[in-house]
Amino acid sequence: MSEHESVVDLELDRAHSSRIYDYFLGGKTNFLADRMAAGSVLGVFPSALVAARINREFMHRATRVLAASGMRQFLDIGTGIPTAPNLHDIAQGIAPDARVVYTDNDPIVLAHAAALLRSTPEGRTAYVQADVRDPEGILKAPQLLDTLDLRRPVALSLNALMHFVPDDGQDRAHDIVERLKAALPSGSTLTMSHATEDFSPAVMDKIIKIYGEAGTRLQFRSRAAFQRFFDGWELLEPGVALSHQWRPDHPEDANHVTDAEAACYAGVARKP
């Protein structure tokens, strides 16, 4: 048993979004409660497996683009269960000196954090157990400050995360993202993907109910609401797109996925 596993309550009796996502990706780090919730989602949205895969592929592509453009510091909030290749595998494959900080609030991600800490000798990785709803706590974490220099550009990733932050009439999700953006210097980037109900509202409402019954609240957002997350920053081409249509490696493959199957917007922007 690892040091992490000996002290962390893994909360295996309730479903968690990161473990449900792990199931959709074909992973093994999920449990009965997670599989039951995932099965209910698949019952109303069979393309959840496709949506999860293409969202992960978007992260791969965006990370490659940013590392190739010179980004050397990455902050991945809501990283989820380690699934190779992880963000640092991709970034350090291009830039061995890249530094990556991972953050998640699922205790089982902490238990498996060793898989996220296998850095190249030239680079560095770190893990922070924290919640995106406390952005200042993340930004002030000793592990982050020991790894990243917040005076230099940082590539912030919030992939498939902010739909787990309902607004409750207060625009909470956008406020959180703005606080993170404000803490980063010019040249930093924001990579985001976010589920939407623009194409199948009735189906997505059922998914919201399923997650809610499992103890996780969701709020899907429209294209316009998603684009607001990038306000004040310059979107990289092609701007806001469906996740499978953002700079696909093989454009012909994107034609085999419908917008309703993807059900997720994506974008990358740079701070002026």
C-alpha atoms as a PDB file:
ATOM      1  CA  MET A   1       0.000   0.000   0.000  1.00  0.00           C
ATOM      2  CA  SER A   2       1.337   3.420  -0.930  1.00  0.00           C
ATOM      3  CA  GLU A   3       1.728   6.316   1.442  1.00  0.00           C
ATOM      4  CA  HIS A   4      -1.203   8.095  -0.217  1.00  0.00           C
ATOM      5  CA  GLU A   5      -3.493   5.080  -0.051  1.00  0.00           C
ATOM      6  CA  SER A   6      -2.826   4.598   3.660  1.00  0.00           C
ATOM      7  CA  VAL A   7      -4.166   8.008   4.634  1.00  0.00           C
ATOM      8  CA  VAL A   8      -6.782   8.911   2.000  1.00  0.00           C
ATOM      9  CA  ASP A   9     -10.509   8.125   2.280  1.00  0.00           C
ATOM     10  CA  LEU A  10     -11.316   7.080  -1.291  1.00  0.00           C
ATOM     11  CA  GLU A  11     -15.101   7.459  -0.851  1.00  0.00           C
ATOM     12  CA  LEU A  12     -15.783   4.381  -2.965  1.00  0.00           C
ATOM     13  CA  ASP A  13     -19.414   4.167  -1.876  1.00  0.00           C
ATOM     14  CA  ARG A  14     -20.448   7.141  -3.996  1.00  0.00           C
ATOM     15  CA  ALA A  15     -19.979   7.968  -7.647  1.00  0.00           C
ATOM     16  CA  HIS A  16     -17.433  10.618  -8.546  1.00  0.00           C
ATOM     17  CA  SER A  17     -17.213  12.480 -11.838  1.00  0.00           C
ATOM     18  CA  SER A  18     -13.537  11.647 -12.444  1.00  0.00           C
ATOM     19  CA  ARG A  19     -14.148   7.917 -11.960  1.00  0.00           C
ATOM     20  CA  ILE A  20     -17.232   7.983 -14.194  1.00  0.00           C
ATOM     21  CA  TYR A  21     -15.070   9.668 -16.832  1.00  0.00           C
ATOM     22  CA  ASP A  22     -12.400   7.017 -16.281  1.00  0.00           C
ATOM     23  CA  TYR A  23     -15.025   4.362 -17.010  1.00  0.00           C
ATOM     24  CA  PHE A  24     -16.051   6.130 -20.226  1.00  0.00           C
ATOM     25  CA  LEU A  25     -12.383   6.151 -21.288  1.00  0.00           C
ATOM     26  CA  GLY A  26     -12.074   2.416 -20.685  1.00  0.00           C
ATOM     27  CA  GLY A  27     -10.065   2.792 -17.495  1.00  0.00           C
ATOM     28  CA  LYS A  28      -9.977   0.435 -14.524  1.00  0.00           C
ATOM     29  CA  THR A  29      -9.959   2.944 -11.663  1.00  0.00           C
ATOM     30  CA  ASN A  30     -13.713   2.995 -11.113  1.00  0.00           C
ATOM     31  CA  PHE A  31     -16.057   1.211  -8.764  1.00  0.00           C
ATOM     32  CA  LEU A  32     -19.627  -0.053  -8.496  1.00  0.00           C
ATOM     33  CA  ALA A  33     -21.190   3.318  -7.720  1.00  0.00           C
ATOM     34  CA  ASP A  34     -19.293   4.903 -10.625  1.00  0.00           C
ATOM     35  CA  ARG A  35     -20.212   2.123 -13.052  1.00  0.00           C
ATOM     36  CA  MET A  36     -23.881   2.278 -12.084  1.00  0.00           C
ATOM     37  CA  ALA A  37     -24.009   6.024 -12.732  1.00  0.00           C
ATOM     38  CA  ALA A  38     -22.060   5.603 -15.982  1.00  0.00           C
ATOM     39  CA  GLY A  39     -24.456   2.879 -17.100  1.00  0.00           C
ATOM     40  CA  SER A  40     -27.411   5.167 -16.495  1.00  0.00           C
ATOM     41  CA  VAL A  41     -25.764   7.889 -18.584  1.00  0.00           C
ATOM     42  CA  LEU A  42     -25.044   5.447 -21.403  1.00  0.00           C
ATOM     43  CA  GLY A  43     -28.671   4.383 -21.304  1.00  0.00           C
ATOM     44  CA  VAL A  44     -29.766   7.840 -22.433  1.00  0.00           C
ATOM     45  CA  PHE A  45     -26.570   9.008 -24.179  1.00  0.00           C
ATOM     46  CA  PRO A  46     -24.736   6.036 -25.742  1.00  0.00           C
ATOM     47  CA  SER A  47     -22.195   8.350 -27.372  1.00  0.00           C
ATOM     48  CA  ALA A  48     -20.808   9.301 -23.941  1.00  0.00           C
ATOM     49  CA  LEU A  49     -17.913   6.964 -24.754  1.00  0.00           C
ATOM     50  CA  VAL A  50     -17.221   8.863 -27.974  1.00  0.00           C
ATOM     51  CA  ALA A  51     -17.615  12.240 -26.271  1.00  0.00           C
ATOM     52  CA  ALA A  52     -15.116  11.297 -23.549  1.00  0.00           C
ATOM     53  CA  ARG A  53     -12.582  10.020 -26.058  1.00  0.00           C
ATOM     54  CA  ILE A  54     -12.690  13.063 -28.315  1.00  0.00           C
ATOM     55  CA  ASN A  55     -12.492  15.391 -25.322  1.00  0.00           C
ATOM     56  CA  ARG A  56      -9.312  13.605 -24.228  1.00  0.00           C
ATOM     57  CA  GLU A  57      -7.954  13.850 -27.759  1.00  0.00           C
ATOM     58  CA  PHE A  58      -8.643  17.592 -27.744  1.00  0.00           C
ATOM     59  CA  MET A  59      -6.445  17.899 -24.640  1.00  0.00           C
ATOM     60  CA  HIS A  60      -3.683  16.003 -26.432  1.00  0.00           C
ATOM     61  CA  ARG A  61      -3.818  18.277 -29.477  1.00  0.00           C
ATOM     62  CA  ALA A  62      -4.036  21.518 -27.512  1.00  0.00           C
ATOM     63  CA  THR A  63      -1.092  20.529 -25.321  1.00  0.00           C
ATOM     64  CA  ARG A  64       1.013  19.680 -28.368  1.00  0.00           C
ATOM     65  CA  VAL A  65       0.172  23.011 -29.984  1.00  0.00           C
ATOM     66  CA  LEU A  66       1.083  24.980 -26.871  1.00  0.00           C
ATOM     67  CA  ALA A  67       4.287  23.085 -26.109  1.00  0.00           C
ATOM     68  CA  ALA A  68       5.384  23.457 -29.726  1.00  0.00           C
ATOM     69  CA  SER A  69       4.680  27.201 -29.519  1.00  0.00           C
ATOM     70  CA  GLY A  70       7.034  27.599 -26.559  1.00  0.00           C
ATOM     71  CA  MET A  71       4.872  27.106 -23.468  1.00  0.00           C
ATOM     72  CA  ARG A  72       6.904  25.502 -20.696  1.00  0.00           C
ATOM     73  CA  GLN A  73       4.576  25.812 -17.682  1.00  0.00           C
ATOM     74  CA  PHE A  74       1.244  23.997 -17.432  1.00  0.00           C
ATOM     75  CA  LEU A  75      -1.471  24.040 -14.759  1.00  0.00           C
ATOM     76  CA  ASP A  76      -4.087  21.325 -15.261  1.00  0.00           C
ATOM     77  CA  ILE A  77      -7.057  21.737 -12.911  1.00  0.00           C
ATOM     78  CA  GLY A  78      -9.507  18.843 -12.732  1.00  0.00           C
ATOM     79  CA  THR A  79      -6.971  16.443 -14.186  1.00  0.00           C
ATOM     80  CA  GLY A  80      -8.920  13.273 -13.353  1.00  0.00           C
ATOM     81  CA  ILE A  81      -7.676   9.707 -13.082  1.00  0.00           C
ATOM     82  CA  PRO A  82      -4.254   9.280 -14.729  1.00  0.00           C
ATOM     83  CA  THR A  83      -4.775   8.058 -18.299  1.00  0.00           C
ATOM     84  CA  ALA A  84      -1.723   7.705 -20.515  1.00  0.00           C
ATOM     85  CA  PRO A  85      -0.637   9.763 -22.226  1.00  0.00           C
ATOM     86  CA  ASN A  86      -1.111  12.361 -19.506  1.00  0.00           C
ATOM     87  CA  LEU A  87      -0.616  16.053 -20.130  1.00  0.00           C
ATOM     88  CA  HIS A  88       2.985  16.035 -18.907  1.00  0.00           C
ATOM     89  CA  ASP A  89       3.797  13.064 -21.153  1.00  0.00           C
ATOM     90  CA  ILE A  90       2.750  15.113 -24.163  1.00  0.00           C
ATOM     91  CA  ALA A  91       4.266  18.425 -23.064  1.00  0.00           C
ATOM     92  CA  GLN A  92       7.594  16.897 -22.022  1.00  0.00           C
ATOM     93  CA  GLY A  93       7.673  14.760 -25.146  1.00  0.00           C
ATOM     94  CA  ILE A  94       8.020  18.033 -27.046  1.00  0.00           C
ATOM     95  CA  ALA A  95       9.774  20.103 -24.381  1.00  0.00           C
ATOM     96  CA  PRO A  96      11.586  17.919 -21.811  1.00  0.00           C
ATOM     97  CA  ASP A  97      12.038  20.933 -19.531  1.00  0.00           C
ATOM     98  CA  ALA A  98       8.284  21.572 -19.246  1.00  0.00           C
ATOM     99  CA  ARG A  99       6.858  21.925 -15.742  1.00  0.00           C
ATOM    100  CA  VAL A 100       3.356  20.663 -14.973  1.00  0.00           C
ATOM    101  CA  VAL A 101       1.118  21.014 -11.917  1.00  0.00           C
ATOM    102  CA  TYR A 102      -1.958  18.808 -11.641  1.00  0.00           C
ATOM    103  CA  THR A 103      -4.952  19.561  -9.421  1.00  0.00           C
ATOM    104  CA  ASP A 104      -8.052  17.537  -8.579  1.00  0.00           C
ATOM    105  CA  ASN A 105     -10.495  17.169  -5.695  1.00  0.00           C
ATOM    106  CA  ASP A 106     -11.077  13.405  -6.036  1.00  0.00           C
ATOM    107  CA  PRO A 107      -9.203  11.554  -3.281  1.00  0.00           C
ATOM    108  CA  ILE A 108      -8.541   8.598  -5.566  1.00  0.00           C
ATOM    109  CA  VAL A 109      -6.624  10.864  -7.960  1.00  0.00           C
ATOM    110  CA  LEU A 110      -4.378  11.716  -5.023  1.00  0.00           C
ATOM    111  CA  ALA A 111      -3.946   8.002  -4.329  1.00  0.00           C
ATOM    112  CA  HIS A 112      -2.748   7.512  -7.912  1.00  0.00           C
ATOM    113  CA  ALA A 113      -0.752  10.741  -8.096  1.00  0.00           C
ATOM    114  CA  ALA A 114       2.519   8.836  -8.486  1.00  0.00           C
ATOM    115  CA  ALA A 115       1.594   8.235 -12.131  1.00  0.00           C
ATOM    116  CA  LEU A 116       1.422  12.008 -12.600  1.00  0.00           C
ATOM    117  CA  LEU A 117       4.769  12.677 -10.962  1.00  0.00           C
ATOM    118  CA  ARG A 118       7.047  10.753 -13.332  1.00  0.00           C
ATOM    119  CA  SER A 119       8.713  13.759 -14.859  1.00  0.00           C
ATOM    120  CA  THR A 120      11.628  13.955 -17.219  1.00  0.00           C
ATOM    121  CA  PRO A 121      14.909  14.818 -15.451  1.00  0.00           C
ATOM    122  CA  GLU A 122      14.902  18.231 -17.117  1.00  0.00           C
ATOM    123  CA  GLY A 123      11.307  19.065 -16.189  1.00  0.00           C
ATOM    124  CA  ARG A 124       9.142  18.765 -13.135  1.00  0.00           C
ATOM    125  CA  THR A 125       5.622  17.705 -12.135  1.00  0.00           C
ATOM    126  CA  ALA A 126       3.646  18.268  -8.938  1.00  0.00           C
ATOM    127  CA  TYR A 127       0.184  17.459  -7.612  1.00  0.00           C
ATOM    128  CA  VAL A 128      -2.159  19.645  -5.539  1.00  0.00           C
ATOM    129  CA  GLN A 129      -5.240  18.176  -3.874  1.00  0.00           C
ATOM    130  CA  ALA A 130      -7.683  21.067  -4.227  1.00  0.00           C
ATOM    131  CA  ASP A 131     -10.990  22.232  -5.677  1.00  0.00           C
ATOM    132  CA  VAL A 132     -11.369  24.678  -8.565  1.00  0.00           C
ATOM    133  CA  ARG A 133     -13.965  26.519  -6.466  1.00  0.00           C
ATOM    134  CA  ASP A 134     -11.031  27.747  -4.366  1.00  0.00           C
ATOM    135  CA  PRO A 135      -8.789  29.234  -7.067  1.00  0.00           C
ATOM    136  CA  GLU A 136      -6.702  31.245  -4.616  1.00  0.00           C
ATOM    137  CA  GLY A 137      -6.002  28.090  -2.626  1.00  0.00           C
ATOM    138  CA  ILE A 138      -4.663  26.449  -5.773  1.00  0.00           C
ATOM    139  CA  LEU A 139      -2.556  29.433  -6.779  1.00  0.00           C
ATOM    140  CA  LYS A 140      -1.014  29.726  -3.300  1.00  0.00           C
ATOM    141  CA  ALA A 141      -0.331  26.009  -2.827  1.00  0.00           C
ATOM    142  CA  PRO A 142       3.326  25.368  -1.928  1.00  0.00           C
ATOM    143  CA  GLN A 143       3.540  22.542  -4.480  1.00  0.00           C
ATOM    144  CA  LEU A 144       2.489  24.949  -7.232  1.00  0.00           C
ATOM    145  CA  LEU A 145       4.758  27.773  -6.117  1.00  0.00           C
ATOM    146  CA  ASP A 146       7.706  25.381  -5.919  1.00  0.00           C
ATOM    147  CA  THR A 147       7.064  24.219  -9.493  1.00  0.00           C
ATOM    148  CA  LEU A 148       5.711  27.154 -11.500  1.00  0.00           C
ATOM    149  CA  ASP A 149       6.885  30.741 -11.783  1.00  0.00           C
ATOM    150  CA  LEU A 150       3.671  32.767 -11.959  1.00  0.00           C
ATOM    151  CA  ARG A 151       5.615  35.717 -13.333  1.00  0.00           C
ATOM    152  CA  ARG A 152       6.086  33.745 -16.554  1.00  0.00           C
ATOM    153  CA  PRO A 153       3.371  32.482 -18.937  1.00  0.00           C
ATOM    154  CA  VAL A 154       1.334  29.525 -17.759  1.00  0.00           C
ATOM    155  CA  ALA A 155      -0.862  27.253 -19.875  1.00  0.00           C
ATOM    156  CA  LEU A 156      -4.017  26.798 -17.783  1.00  0.00           C
ATOM    157  CA  SER A 157      -6.205  23.791 -18.624  1.00  0.00           C
ATOM    158  CA  LEU A 158      -9.825  23.463 -17.486  1.00  0.00           C
ATOM    159  CA  ASN A 159     -10.977  20.546 -19.575  1.00  0.00           C
ATOM    160  CA  ALA A 160     -14.425  19.024 -18.999  1.00  0.00           C
ATOM    161  CA  LEU A 161     -14.464  20.701 -15.597  1.00  0.00           C
ATOM    162  CA  MET A 162     -16.549  23.851 -15.337  1.00  0.00           C
ATOM    163  CA  HIS A 163     -19.841  22.127 -16.154  1.00  0.00           C
ATOM    164  CA  PHE A 164     -19.473  20.680 -12.644  1.00  0.00           C
ATOM    165  CA  VAL A 165     -19.750  24.220 -11.221  1.00  0.00           C
ATOM    166  CA  PRO A 166     -23.396  25.369 -11.313  1.00  0.00           C
ATOM    167  CA  ASP A 167     -23.973  29.100 -11.184  1.00  0.00           C
ATOM    168  CA  ASP A 168     -26.927  29.052  -8.770  1.00  0.00           C
ATOM    169  CA  GLY A 169     -27.904  32.436 -10.153  1.00  0.00           C
ATOM    170  CA  GLN A 170     -24.540  33.977  -9.293  1.00  0.00           C
ATOM    171  CA  ASP A 171     -22.394  33.386 -12.418  1.00  0.00           C
ATOM    172  CA  ARG A 172     -20.000  31.419 -10.197  1.00  0.00           C
ATOM    173  CA  ALA A 173     -18.206  29.482 -12.932  1.00  0.00           C
ATOM    174  CA  HIS A 174     -17.242  32.566 -14.918  1.00  0.00           C
ATOM    175  CA  ASP A 175     -16.137  34.354 -11.745  1.00  0.00           C
ATOM    176  CA  ILE A 176     -13.827  31.454 -10.831  1.00  0.00           C
ATOM    177  CA  VAL A 177     -12.260  31.405 -14.281  1.00  0.00           C
ATOM    178  CA  GLU A 178     -11.788  35.179 -14.260  1.00  0.00           C
ATOM    179  CA  ARG A 179      -9.956  34.949 -10.928  1.00  0.00           C
ATOM    180  CA  LEU A 180      -7.619  32.331 -12.364  1.00  0.00           C
ATOM    181  CA  LYS A 181      -7.060  34.363 -15.524  1.00  0.00           C
ATOM    182  CA  ALA A 182      -6.311  37.524 -13.550  1.00  0.00           C
ATOM    183  CA  ALA A 183      -3.514  35.765 -11.647  1.00  0.00           C
ATOM    184  CA  LEU A 184      -1.627  34.803 -14.806  1.00  0.00           C
ATOM    185  CA  PRO A 185       0.753  37.052 -16.768  1.00  0.00           C
ATOM    186  CA  SER A 186       0.601  38.143 -20.382  1.00  0.00           C
ATOM    187  CA  GLY A 187       1.314  35.292 -22.780  1.00  0.00           C
ATOM    188  CA  SER A 188      -0.507  32.745 -20.635  1.00  0.00           C
ATOM    189  CA  THR A 189      -3.128  30.545 -22.256  1.00  0.00           C
ATOM    190  CA  LEU A 190      -6.491  29.059 -21.316  1.00  0.00           C
ATOM    191  CA  THR A 191      -7.501  25.673 -22.705  1.00  0.00           C
ATOM    192  CA  MET A 192     -11.093  24.669 -22.020  1.00  0.00           C
ATOM    193  CA  SER A 193     -13.707  22.140 -23.006  1.00  0.00           C
ATOM    194  CA  HIS A 194     -17.265  22.165 -21.698  1.00  0.00           C
ATOM    195  CA  ALA A 195     -20.330  19.996 -22.253  1.00  0.00           C
ATOM    196  CA  THR A 196     -23.358  21.613 -23.872  1.00  0.00           C
ATOM    197  CA  GLU A 197     -27.039  20.878 -24.287  1.00  0.00           C
ATOM    198  CA  ASP A 198     -27.282  22.957 -27.466  1.00  0.00           C
ATOM    199  CA  PHE A 199     -27.894  19.897 -29.648  1.00  0.00           C
ATOM    200  CA  SER A 200     -29.886  17.480 -27.452  1.00  0.00           C
ATOM    201  CA  PRO A 201     -31.452  19.410 -24.568  1.00  0.00           C
ATOM    202  CA  ALA A 202     -33.837  16.646 -23.508  1.00  0.00           C
ATOM    203  CA  VAL A 203     -31.035  14.072 -23.339  1.00  0.00           C
ATOM    204  CA  MET A 204     -28.725  16.418 -21.465  1.00  0.00           C
ATOM    205  CA  ASP A 205     -31.445  17.215 -18.937  1.00  0.00           C
ATOM    206  CA  LYS A 206     -31.652  13.487 -18.197  1.00  0.00           C
ATOM    207  CA  ILE A 207     -27.887  13.364 -17.678  1.00  0.00           C
ATOM    208  CA  ILE A 208     -28.100  16.274 -15.241  1.00  0.00           C
ATOM    209  CA  LYS A 209     -30.698  14.309 -13.276  1.00  0.00           C
ATOM    210  CA  ILE A 210     -28.577  11.121 -13.270  1.00  0.00           C
ATOM    211  CA  TYR A 211     -25.510  12.928 -11.978  1.00  0.00           C
ATOM    212  CA  GLY A 212     -27.629  14.793  -9.442  1.00  0.00           C
ATOM    213  CA  GLU A 213     -29.011  11.542  -8.059  1.00  0.00           C
ATOM    214  CA  ALA A 214     -25.406  10.350  -7.715  1.00  0.00           C
ATOM    215  CA  GLY A 215     -24.518  13.470  -5.725  1.00  0.00           C
ATOM    216  CA  THR A 216     -22.866  15.547  -8.463  1.00  0.00           C
ATOM    217  CA  ARG A 217     -24.425  18.734  -9.789  1.00  0.00           C
ATOM    218  CA  LEU A 218     -24.054  19.751 -13.422  1.00  0.00           C
ATOM    219  CA  GLN A 219     -24.769  22.798 -15.533  1.00  0.00           C
ATOM    220  CA  PHE A 220     -24.300  22.507 -19.268  1.00  0.00           C
ATOM    221  CA  ARG A 221     -23.780  25.786 -21.099  1.00  0.00           C
ATOM    222  CA  SER A 222     -24.503  27.243 -24.515  1.00  0.00           C
ATOM    223  CA  ARG A 223     -21.881  28.246 -27.051  1.00  0.00           C
ATOM    224  CA  ALA A 224     -22.304  31.898 -26.071  1.00  0.00           C
ATOM    225  CA  ALA A 225     -21.886  31.122 -22.363  1.00  0.00           C
ATOM    226  CA  PHE A 226     -18.820  29.000 -23.102  1.00  0.00           C
ATOM    227  CA  GLN A 227     -17.225  31.706 -25.239  1.00  0.00           C
ATOM    228  CA  ARG A 228     -17.582  34.164 -22.342  1.00  0.00           C
ATOM    229  CA  PHE A 229     -14.948  32.187 -20.417  1.00  0.00           C
ATOM    230  CA  PHE A 230     -12.394  33.567 -22.892  1.00  0.00           C
ATOM    231  CA  ASP A 231     -13.457  37.222 -22.619  1.00  0.00           C
ATOM    232  CA  GLY A 232     -10.498  39.591 -22.893  1.00  0.00           C
ATOM    233  CA  TRP A 233      -8.176  36.922 -24.290  1.00  0.00           C
ATOM    234  CA  GLU A 234      -7.365  36.169 -27.923  1.00  0.00           C
ATOM    235  CA  LEU A 235      -8.773  32.891 -29.211  1.00  0.00           C
ATOM    236  CA  LEU A 236      -6.410  30.759 -31.269  1.00  0.00           C
ATOM    237  CA  GLU A 237      -7.721  29.465 -34.577  1.00  0.00           C
ATOM    238  CA  PRO A 238     -10.299  28.041 -35.162  1.00  0.00           C
ATOM    239  CA  GLY A 239     -11.840  29.863 -32.180  1.00  0.00           C
ATOM    240  CA  VAL A 240     -14.610  28.098 -30.283  1.00  0.00           C
ATOM    241  CA  ALA A 241     -15.399  24.767 -31.936  1.00  0.00           C
ATOM    242  CA  LEU A 242     -16.871  21.391 -31.118  1.00  0.00           C
ATOM    243  CA  SER A 243     -14.197  19.316 -29.398  1.00  0.00           C
ATOM    244  CA  HIS A 244     -13.689  17.011 -32.389  1.00  0.00           C
ATOM    245  CA  GLN A 245     -13.401  19.974 -34.768  1.00  0.00           C
ATOM    246  CA  TRP A 246     -10.623  21.848 -32.943  1.00  0.00           C
ATOM    247  CA  ARG A 247      -7.547  21.301 -35.159  1.00  0.00           C
ATOM    248  CA  PRO A 248      -8.216  17.585 -35.743  1.00  0.00           C
ATOM    249  CA  ASP A 249      -5.174  15.466 -36.587  1.00  0.00           C
ATOM    250  CA  HIS A 250      -7.190  13.808 -39.335  1.00  0.00           C
ATOM    251  CA  PRO A 251      -9.969  16.133 -40.531  1.00  0.00           C
ATOM    252  CA  GLU A 252     -11.768  13.300 -42.269  1.00  0.00           C
ATOM    253  CA  ASP A 253     -12.252  11.546 -38.915  1.00  0.00           C
ATOM    254  CA  ALA A 254     -14.083  14.559 -37.498  1.00  0.00           C
ATOM    255  CA  ASN A 255     -16.768  14.048 -40.120  1.00  0.00           C
ATOM    256  CA  HIS A 256     -17.691  10.712 -38.544  1.00  0.00           C
ATOM    257  CA  VAL A 257     -18.799  12.358 -35.288  1.00  0.00           C
ATOM    258  CA  THR A 258     -21.973  14.437 -35.126  1.00  0.00           C
ATOM    259  CA  ASP A 259     -22.283  17.609 -33.085  1.00  0.00           C
ATOM    260  CA  ALA A 260     -24.833  15.893 -30.848  1.00  0.00           C
ATOM    261  CA  GLU A 261     -22.418  13.015 -30.201  1.00  0.00           C
ATOM    262  CA  ALA A 262     -19.596  15.378 -29.275  1.00  0.00           C
ATOM    263  CA  ALA A 263     -21.868  17.614 -27.176  1.00  0.00           C
ATOM    264  CA  CYS A 264     -18.826  19.569 -26.050  1.00  0.00           C
ATOM    265  CA  TYR A 265     -17.293  22.910 -27.001  1.00  0.00           C
ATOM    266  CA  ALA A 266     -13.552  23.541 -26.911  1.00  0.00           C
ATOM    267  CA  GLY A 267     -11.179  26.436 -27.322  1.00  0.00           C
ATOM    268  CA  VAL A 268      -7.728  27.829 -26.551  1.00  0.00           C
ATOM    269  CA  ALA A 269      -6.988  31.513 -25.941  1.00  0.00           C
ATOM    270  CA  ARG A 270      -3.924  33.610 -25.126  1.00  0.00           C
ATOM    271  CA  LYS A 271      -3.706  36.544 -22.716  1.00  0.00           C
ATOM    272  CA  PRO A 272      -2.616  39.736 -24.507  1.00  0.00           C
END
